[in-house]
């Protein structure tokens, strides 16, 4: 997947696509220190997703 920008919005869209492609299995994500990978909005989004 490509994105026009490397920001939290596009990173979260990417994670949503990964989740949709594998709705029942475990997903492991390894990231680097790009700010969109650990922004407040991404961490908040992750908490909400993991709560389901």
N, C-alpha and C. Protein backbone atom coordinates (compact mmCIF):
# COMPACT_ATOMS: atom_id res chain seq x y z
N UNK A 1 0.84 -1.17 0.00
CA UNK A 1 0.00 0.00 0.00
C UNK A 1 0.89 1.23 0.00
N UNK A 2 0.52 2.21 -0.78
CA UNK A 2 1.24 3.47 -0.79
C UNK A 2 0.35 4.56 -0.19
N UNK A 3 0.97 5.61 0.26
CA UNK A 3 0.23 6.72 0.85
C UNK A 3 0.85 8.03 0.37
N UNK A 4 0.02 9.03 0.23
CA UNK A 4 0.53 10.32 -0.24
C UNK A 4 1.29 11.07 0.86
N UNK A 5 1.17 10.60 2.09
CA UNK A 5 1.85 11.24 3.20
C UNK A 5 2.17 10.20 4.27
N UNK A 6 3.25 10.43 5.00
CA UNK A 6 3.60 9.51 6.10
C UNK A 6 3.16 10.16 7.40
N UNK A 7 1.87 10.09 7.66
CA UNK A 7 1.34 10.68 8.89
C UNK A 7 0.45 9.67 9.60
N UNK A 8 -0.05 10.03 10.74
CA UNK A 8 -0.84 9.12 11.56
C UNK A 8 -2.11 8.65 10.87
N UNK A 9 -2.76 9.53 10.14
CA UNK A 9 -4.01 9.18 9.47
C UNK A 9 -3.78 8.04 8.47
N UNK A 10 -2.77 8.17 7.64
CA UNK A 10 -2.51 7.12 6.65
C UNK A 10 -1.98 5.84 7.30
N UNK A 11 -1.21 5.98 8.37
CA UNK A 11 -0.71 4.80 9.07
C UNK A 11 -1.88 4.02 9.69
N UNK A 12 -2.82 4.73 10.28
CA UNK A 12 -3.98 4.07 10.87
C UNK A 12 -4.85 3.43 9.79
N UNK A 13 -4.96 4.04 8.62
CA UNK A 13 -5.70 3.42 7.51
C UNK A 13 -5.01 2.12 7.09
N UNK A 14 -3.68 2.15 7.05
CA UNK A 14 -2.94 0.94 6.72
C UNK A 14 -3.22 -0.17 7.73
N UNK A 15 -3.20 0.16 9.01
CA UNK A 15 -3.47 -0.83 10.05
C UNK A 15 -4.89 -1.37 9.95
N UNK A 16 -5.84 -0.52 9.57
CA UNK A 16 -7.22 -0.98 9.39
C UNK A 16 -7.31 -1.98 8.24
N UNK A 17 -6.57 -1.74 7.17
CA UNK A 17 -6.56 -2.67 6.04
C UNK A 17 -5.93 -4.00 6.42
N UNK A 18 -4.87 -3.94 7.22
CA UNK A 18 -4.24 -5.18 7.69
C UNK A 18 -5.22 -5.97 8.54
N UNK A 19 -5.90 -5.29 9.43
CA UNK A 19 -6.88 -5.95 10.29
C UNK A 19 -8.03 -6.55 9.48
N UNK A 20 -8.51 -5.82 8.49
CA UNK A 20 -9.60 -6.31 7.65
C UNK A 20 -9.19 -7.54 6.85
N UNK A 21 -7.93 -7.60 6.45
CA UNK A 21 -7.43 -8.73 5.68
C UNK A 21 -7.23 -9.98 6.54
N UNK A 22 -7.14 -9.80 7.85
CA UNK A 22 -6.90 -10.91 8.76
C UNK A 22 -7.77 -10.73 10.01
N UNK A 23 -9.10 -10.87 9.88
CA UNK A 23 -9.99 -10.54 10.99
C UNK A 23 -9.95 -11.50 12.17
N UNK A 24 -9.46 -12.72 11.99
CA UNK A 24 -9.53 -13.69 13.08
C UNK A 24 -8.17 -14.10 13.64
N UNK A 25 -7.11 -13.81 12.93
CA UNK A 25 -5.79 -14.24 13.38
C UNK A 25 -5.05 -13.17 14.15
N UNK A 26 -3.95 -13.57 14.75
CA UNK A 26 -3.09 -12.62 15.44
C UNK A 26 -2.34 -11.78 14.43
N UNK A 27 -2.11 -10.53 14.77
CA UNK A 27 -1.34 -9.62 13.92
C UNK A 27 -0.22 -9.04 14.76
N UNK A 28 0.98 -9.14 14.28
CA UNK A 28 2.15 -8.57 14.96
C UNK A 28 2.69 -7.46 14.08
N UNK A 29 2.88 -6.29 14.66
CA UNK A 29 3.37 -5.14 13.91
C UNK A 29 4.68 -4.68 14.52
N UNK A 30 5.69 -4.59 13.69
CA UNK A 30 6.99 -4.09 14.11
C UNK A 30 7.21 -2.77 13.39
N UNK A 31 7.48 -1.72 14.15
CA UNK A 31 7.63 -0.40 13.54
C UNK A 31 8.96 0.23 13.92
N UNK A 32 9.28 1.28 13.21
CA UNK A 32 10.46 2.06 13.58
C UNK A 32 10.01 3.25 14.41
N UNK A 33 10.82 4.26 14.53
CA UNK A 33 10.47 5.38 15.39
C UNK A 33 9.87 6.57 14.64
N UNK A 34 9.29 6.34 13.48
CA UNK A 34 8.61 7.40 12.75
C UNK A 34 7.50 7.96 13.63
N UNK A 35 7.37 9.25 13.70
CA UNK A 35 6.42 9.86 14.64
C UNK A 35 4.99 9.39 14.44
N UNK A 36 4.59 9.06 13.22
CA UNK A 36 3.21 8.59 13.00
C UNK A 36 2.96 7.23 13.62
N UNK A 37 4.02 6.47 13.89
CA UNK A 37 3.87 5.14 14.49
C UNK A 37 3.61 5.21 15.99
N UNK A 38 3.97 6.30 16.62
CA UNK A 38 3.77 6.39 18.06
C UNK A 38 3.11 7.71 18.48
N UNK A 39 2.38 8.33 17.57
CA UNK A 39 1.68 9.57 17.90
C UNK A 39 0.55 9.30 18.88
N UNK A 40 0.08 10.33 19.52
CA UNK A 40 -1.02 10.18 20.46
C UNK A 40 -2.25 9.62 19.78
N UNK A 41 -2.55 10.08 18.56
CA UNK A 41 -3.75 9.57 17.88
C UNK A 41 -3.60 8.10 17.51
N UNK A 42 -2.41 7.66 17.14
CA UNK A 42 -2.20 6.24 16.82
C UNK A 42 -2.28 5.39 18.08
N UNK A 43 -1.69 5.85 19.17
CA UNK A 43 -1.78 5.09 20.42
C UNK A 43 -3.22 5.01 20.90
N UNK A 44 -3.97 6.10 20.81
CA UNK A 44 -5.38 6.11 21.20
C UNK A 44 -6.18 5.17 20.33
N UNK A 45 -5.95 5.23 19.03
CA UNK A 45 -6.63 4.34 18.09
C UNK A 45 -6.32 2.89 18.44
N UNK A 46 -5.08 2.58 18.75
CA UNK A 46 -4.70 1.21 19.10
C UNK A 46 -5.39 0.71 20.34
N UNK A 47 -5.52 1.56 21.33
CA UNK A 47 -6.23 1.17 22.55
C UNK A 47 -7.70 0.85 22.23
N UNK A 48 -8.32 1.66 21.40
CA UNK A 48 -9.72 1.43 21.03
C UNK A 48 -9.88 0.14 20.25
N UNK A 49 -8.96 -0.14 19.35
CA UNK A 49 -9.02 -1.37 18.56
C UNK A 49 -8.81 -2.59 19.44
N UNK A 50 -7.83 -2.51 20.33
CA UNK A 50 -7.54 -3.65 21.20
C UNK A 50 -8.65 -3.91 22.20
N UNK A 51 -9.47 -2.91 22.47
CA UNK A 51 -10.57 -3.08 23.42
C UNK A 51 -11.69 -3.94 22.85
N UNK A 52 -11.73 -4.11 21.54
CA UNK A 52 -12.80 -4.90 20.91
C UNK A 52 -12.52 -6.35 20.98
